[in-house]
Amino acid sequence: GNENFGGADAYSYVNPLEAINHIPSLAIYQIVGGMAWVEYQRVQRIKEQGKDRISGDIGLAYPGGWNPFNINYSPEEYAEKQLQEIKHCRLAMLGAFGLFFQALNSGEDIVSQLSPAFAAPEYAAKAGYFLPQGI
């Protein structure tokens, strides 16, 4: 463990099912509190907008919203970006659930599940890097 962080080593338990049992209780309270605050803000925004609520609007980059990068989308472009974000988030959630349930089923941690996807195939090692001269 790491003494600077209460003895908890963040990388000792790579299997999510095993790691859940080793999370410090204060960290769980921080996570739940943060999620509750975000959810409260979302409910307040829904109450403020009433019947004119724009689905998926979290107040970023839309006229009158927080816009640190000065993104100026037309309403049509903004609607398209919102749709893209929702689609990508849904795919990411499916992927996260898939990794979690695969770990539950196989007992193999997520890093071990993903590492074969990033391994170079055998023929790449034989061809060399960028096919050196002479090939």
C-alpha atoms as a PDB file:
ATOM      1  CA  GLY A   1       0.000   0.000   0.000  1.00  0.00           C
ATOM      2  CA  ASN A   2       0.895   3.626  -0.261  1.00  0.00           C
ATOM      3  CA  GLU A   3       1.182   5.351   3.113  1.00  0.00           C
ATOM      4  CA  ASN A   4       0.440   8.776   1.599  1.00  0.00           C
ATOM      5  CA  PHE A   5      -3.085   7.680   0.693  1.00  0.00           C
ATOM      6  CA  GLY A   6      -4.179   5.837   3.801  1.00  0.00           C
ATOM      7  CA  GLY A   7      -2.481   2.606   2.801  1.00  0.00           C
ATOM      8  CA  ALA A   8      -4.735   2.059  -0.226  1.00  0.00           C
ATOM      9  CA  ASP A   9      -2.908   1.127  -3.401  1.00  0.00           C
ATOM     10  CA  ALA A  10      -5.007   2.057  -6.426  1.00  0.00           C
ATOM     11  CA  TYR A  11      -3.541  -0.616  -8.673  1.00  0.00           C
ATOM     12  CA  SER A  12      -3.430  -3.654  -6.386  1.00  0.00           C
ATOM     13  CA  TYR A  13      -6.896  -4.852  -7.381  1.00  0.00           C
ATOM     14  CA  VAL A  14      -7.464  -4.684 -11.125  1.00  0.00           C
ATOM     15  CA  ASN A  15     -10.542  -6.913 -11.099  1.00  0.00           C
ATOM     16  CA  PRO A  16     -13.483  -4.532 -10.533  1.00  0.00           C
ATOM     17  CA  LEU A  17     -15.413  -7.064  -8.469  1.00  0.00           C
ATOM     18  CA  GLU A  18     -12.462  -7.467  -6.118  1.00  0.00           C
ATOM     19  CA  ALA A  19     -11.618  -3.746  -6.066  1.00  0.00           C
ATOM     20  CA  ILE A  20     -15.078  -2.703  -4.846  1.00  0.00           C
ATOM     21  CA  ASN A  21     -14.467  -4.438  -1.529  1.00  0.00           C
ATOM     22  CA  HIS A  22     -11.215  -2.538  -0.985  1.00  0.00           C
ATOM     23  CA  ILE A  23     -12.380   1.034  -1.639  1.00  0.00           C
ATOM     24  CA  PRO A  24     -12.088   3.230   1.479  1.00  0.00           C
ATOM     25  CA  SER A  25     -15.499   4.203   2.839  1.00  0.00           C
ATOM     26  CA  LEU A  26     -14.665   7.929   2.612  1.00  0.00           C
ATOM     27  CA  ALA A  27     -14.047   7.522  -1.123  1.00  0.00           C
ATOM     28  CA  ILE A  28     -17.447   5.855  -1.537  1.00  0.00           C
ATOM     29  CA  TYR A  29     -19.092   8.788   0.260  1.00  0.00           C
ATOM     30  CA  GLN A  30     -17.251  11.237  -2.019  1.00  0.00           C
ATOM     31  CA  ILE A  31     -18.356   9.392  -5.150  1.00  0.00           C
ATOM     32  CA  VAL A  32     -21.984   9.146  -4.004  1.00  0.00           C
ATOM     33  CA  GLY A  33     -21.955  12.801  -2.912  1.00  0.00           C
ATOM     34  CA  GLY A  34     -20.544  13.930  -6.255  1.00  0.00           C
ATOM     35  CA  MET A  35     -23.118  11.924  -8.181  1.00  0.00           C
ATOM     36  CA  ALA A  36     -25.913  13.311  -5.976  1.00  0.00           C
ATOM     37  CA  TRP A  37     -24.738  16.892  -6.614  1.00  0.00           C
ATOM     38  CA  VAL A  38     -24.655  16.364 -10.399  1.00  0.00           C
ATOM     39  CA  GLU A  39     -28.105  14.769 -10.312  1.00  0.00           C
ATOM     40  CA  TYR A  40     -29.455  17.638  -8.166  1.00  0.00           C
ATOM     41  CA  GLN A  41     -28.113  20.184 -10.676  1.00  0.00           C
ATOM     42  CA  ARG A  42     -29.774  18.249 -13.505  1.00  0.00           C
ATOM     43  CA  VAL A  43     -33.140  18.252 -11.711  1.00  0.00           C
ATOM     44  CA  GLN A  44     -32.838  22.000 -11.031  1.00  0.00           C
ATOM     45  CA  ARG A  45     -32.149  22.658 -14.725  1.00  0.00           C
ATOM     46  CA  ILE A  46     -35.224  20.586 -15.677  1.00  0.00           C
ATOM     47  CA  LYS A  47     -37.371  22.571 -13.218  1.00  0.00           C
ATOM     48  CA  GLU A  48     -36.059  25.896 -14.567  1.00  0.00           C
ATOM     49  CA  GLN A  49     -36.716  25.001 -18.198  1.00  0.00           C
ATOM     50  CA  GLY A  50     -40.160  23.503 -17.590  1.00  0.00           C
ATOM     51  CA  LYS A  51     -42.044  22.564 -20.747  1.00  0.00           C
ATOM     52  CA  ASP A  52     -39.370  24.238 -22.902  1.00  0.00           C
ATOM     53  CA  ARG A  53     -36.772  21.732 -21.731  1.00  0.00           C
ATOM     54  CA  ILE A  54     -34.285  20.633 -24.350  1.00  0.00           C
ATOM     55  CA  SER A  55     -33.510  16.958 -23.830  1.00  0.00           C
ATOM     56  CA  GLY A  56     -29.821  16.423 -23.129  1.00  0.00           C
ATOM     57  CA  ASP A  57     -29.074  20.100 -22.454  1.00  0.00           C
ATOM     58  CA  ILE A  58     -26.605  20.380 -19.595  1.00  0.00           C
ATOM     59  CA  GLY A  59     -25.831  24.062 -20.160  1.00  0.00           C
ATOM     60  CA  LEU A  60     -22.629  23.695 -22.168  1.00  0.00           C
ATOM     61  CA  ALA A  61     -21.919  25.697 -25.315  1.00  0.00           C
ATOM     62  CA  TYR A  62     -25.566  26.494 -25.945  1.00  0.00           C
ATOM     63  CA  PRO A  63     -26.513  30.180 -26.122  1.00  0.00           C
ATOM     64  CA  GLY A  64     -26.603  31.378 -22.538  1.00  0.00           C
ATOM     65  CA  GLY A  65     -24.701  28.354 -21.253  1.00  0.00           C
ATOM     66  CA  TRP A  66     -21.129  27.902 -20.077  1.00  0.00           C
ATOM     67  CA  ASN A  67     -18.938  28.188 -23.175  1.00  0.00           C
ATOM     68  CA  PRO A  68     -15.200  28.373 -22.304  1.00  0.00           C
ATOM     69  CA  PHE A  69     -14.010  27.585 -25.856  1.00  0.00           C
ATOM     70  CA  ASN A  70     -16.399  30.029 -27.542  1.00  0.00           C
ATOM     71  CA  ILE A  71     -18.025  27.276 -29.601  1.00  0.00           C
ATOM     72  CA  ASN A  72     -20.651  28.804 -31.856  1.00  0.00           C
ATOM     73  CA  TYR A  73     -22.932  26.132 -33.257  1.00  0.00           C
ATOM     74  CA  SER A  74     -26.130  26.844 -35.096  1.00  0.00           C
ATOM     75  CA  PRO A  75     -29.202  25.266 -33.461  1.00  0.00           C
ATOM     76  CA  GLU A  76     -29.118  22.494 -36.097  1.00  0.00           C
ATOM     77  CA  GLU A  77     -25.412  21.790 -35.498  1.00  0.00           C
ATOM     78  CA  TYR A  78     -25.962  21.838 -31.740  1.00  0.00           C
ATOM     79  CA  ALA A  79     -28.816  19.321 -32.032  1.00  0.00           C
ATOM     80  CA  GLU A  80     -26.582  17.076 -34.171  1.00  0.00           C
ATOM     81  CA  LYS A  81     -23.755  17.282 -31.603  1.00  0.00           C
ATOM     82  CA  GLN A  82     -26.180  16.397 -28.807  1.00  0.00           C
ATOM     83  CA  LEU A  83     -27.380  13.363 -30.745  1.00  0.00           C
ATOM     84  CA  GLN A  84     -23.801  12.265 -31.401  1.00  0.00           C
ATOM     85  CA  GLU A  85     -22.938  12.632 -27.719  1.00  0.00           C
ATOM     86  CA  ILE A  86     -25.924  10.577 -26.598  1.00  0.00           C
ATOM     87  CA  LYS A  87     -25.099   7.813 -29.104  1.00  0.00           C
ATOM     88  CA  HIS A  88     -21.441   7.699 -28.035  1.00  0.00           C
ATOM     89  CA  CYS A  89     -22.353   7.661 -24.343  1.00  0.00           C
ATOM     90  CA  ARG A  90     -24.765   4.792 -24.836  1.00  0.00           C
ATOM     91  CA  LEU A  91     -22.115   2.777 -26.681  1.00  0.00           C
ATOM     92  CA  ALA A  92     -19.577   3.520 -23.933  1.00  0.00           C
ATOM     93  CA  MET A  93     -22.035   2.371 -21.265  1.00  0.00           C
ATOM     94  CA  LEU A  94     -22.650  -0.870 -23.159  1.00  0.00           C
ATOM     95  CA  GLY A  95     -18.901  -1.410 -23.432  1.00  0.00           C
ATOM     96  CA  ALA A  96     -18.369  -0.769 -19.719  1.00  0.00           C
ATOM     97  CA  PHE A  97     -21.181  -3.158 -18.794  1.00  0.00           C
ATOM     98  CA  GLY A  98     -19.745  -5.740 -21.173  1.00  0.00           C
ATOM     99  CA  LEU A  99     -16.297  -5.517 -19.558  1.00  0.00           C
ATOM    100  CA  PHE A 100     -17.821  -5.713 -16.081  1.00  0.00           C
ATOM    101  CA  PHE A 101     -19.969  -8.739 -16.834  1.00  0.00           C
ATOM    102  CA  GLN A 102     -17.106 -10.437 -18.664  1.00  0.00           C
ATOM    103  CA  ALA A 103     -15.001  -9.983 -15.517  1.00  0.00           C
ATOM    104  CA  LEU A 104     -17.878 -11.399 -13.483  1.00  0.00           C
ATOM    105  CA  ASN A 105     -18.185 -14.398 -15.798  1.00  0.00           C
ATOM    106  CA  SER A 106     -14.517 -15.195 -16.390  1.00  0.00           C
ATOM    107  CA  GLY A 107     -12.837 -13.818 -13.270  1.00  0.00           C
ATOM    108  CA  GLU A 108     -10.322 -12.080 -15.541  1.00  0.00           C
ATOM    109  CA  ASP A 109      -9.569  -8.418 -14.856  1.00  0.00           C
ATOM    110  CA  ILE A 110     -10.336  -5.685 -17.399  1.00  0.00           C
ATOM    111  CA  VAL A 111      -6.687  -5.019 -18.285  1.00  0.00           C
ATOM    112  CA  SER A 112      -6.204  -8.686 -19.163  1.00  0.00           C
ATOM    113  CA  GLN A 113      -9.376  -8.589 -21.247  1.00  0.00           C
ATOM    114  CA  LEU A 114      -8.258  -5.551 -23.258  1.00  0.00           C
ATOM    115  CA  SER A 115      -4.517  -6.234 -23.622  1.00  0.00           C
ATOM    116  CA  PRO A 116      -4.827  -8.734 -26.521  1.00  0.00           C
ATOM    117  CA  ALA A 117      -6.531  -6.031 -28.581  1.00  0.00           C
ATOM    118  CA  PHE A 118      -3.384  -3.893 -28.398  1.00  0.00           C
ATOM    119  CA  ALA A 119      -0.841  -6.652 -29.035  1.00  0.00           C
ATOM    120  CA  ALA A 120       0.974  -6.538 -32.350  1.00  0.00           C
ATOM    121  CA  PRO A 121       0.286  -9.556 -34.532  1.00  0.00           C
ATOM    122  CA  GLU A 122       3.173 -11.883 -35.311  1.00  0.00           C
ATOM    123  CA  TYR A 123       3.480 -10.757 -38.937  1.00  0.00           C
ATOM    124  CA  ALA A 124       4.074  -7.137 -37.844  1.00  0.00           C
ATOM    125  CA  ALA A 125       7.230  -8.150 -35.983  1.00  0.00           C
ATOM    126  CA  LYS A 126       8.506  -9.995 -39.039  1.00  0.00           C
ATOM    127  CA  ALA A 127       7.855  -7.055 -41.393  1.00  0.00           C
ATOM    128  CA  GLY A 128       9.689  -4.576 -39.181  1.00  0.00           C
ATOM    129  CA  TYR A 129       8.735  -1.038 -38.413  1.00  0.00           C
ATOM    130  CA  PHE A 130       7.614   0.825 -41.565  1.00  0.00           C
ATOM    131  CA  LEU A 131       9.081  -1.935 -43.759  1.00  0.00           C
ATOM    132  CA  PRO A 132      12.811  -1.112 -43.813  1.00  0.00           C
ATOM    133  CA  GLN A 133      14.707  -0.777 -47.089  1.00  0.00           C
ATOM    134  CA  GLY A 134      15.289  -3.962 -48.986  1.00  0.00           C
ATOM    135  CA  ILE A 135      11.683  -5.146 -48.800  1.00  0.00           C
END
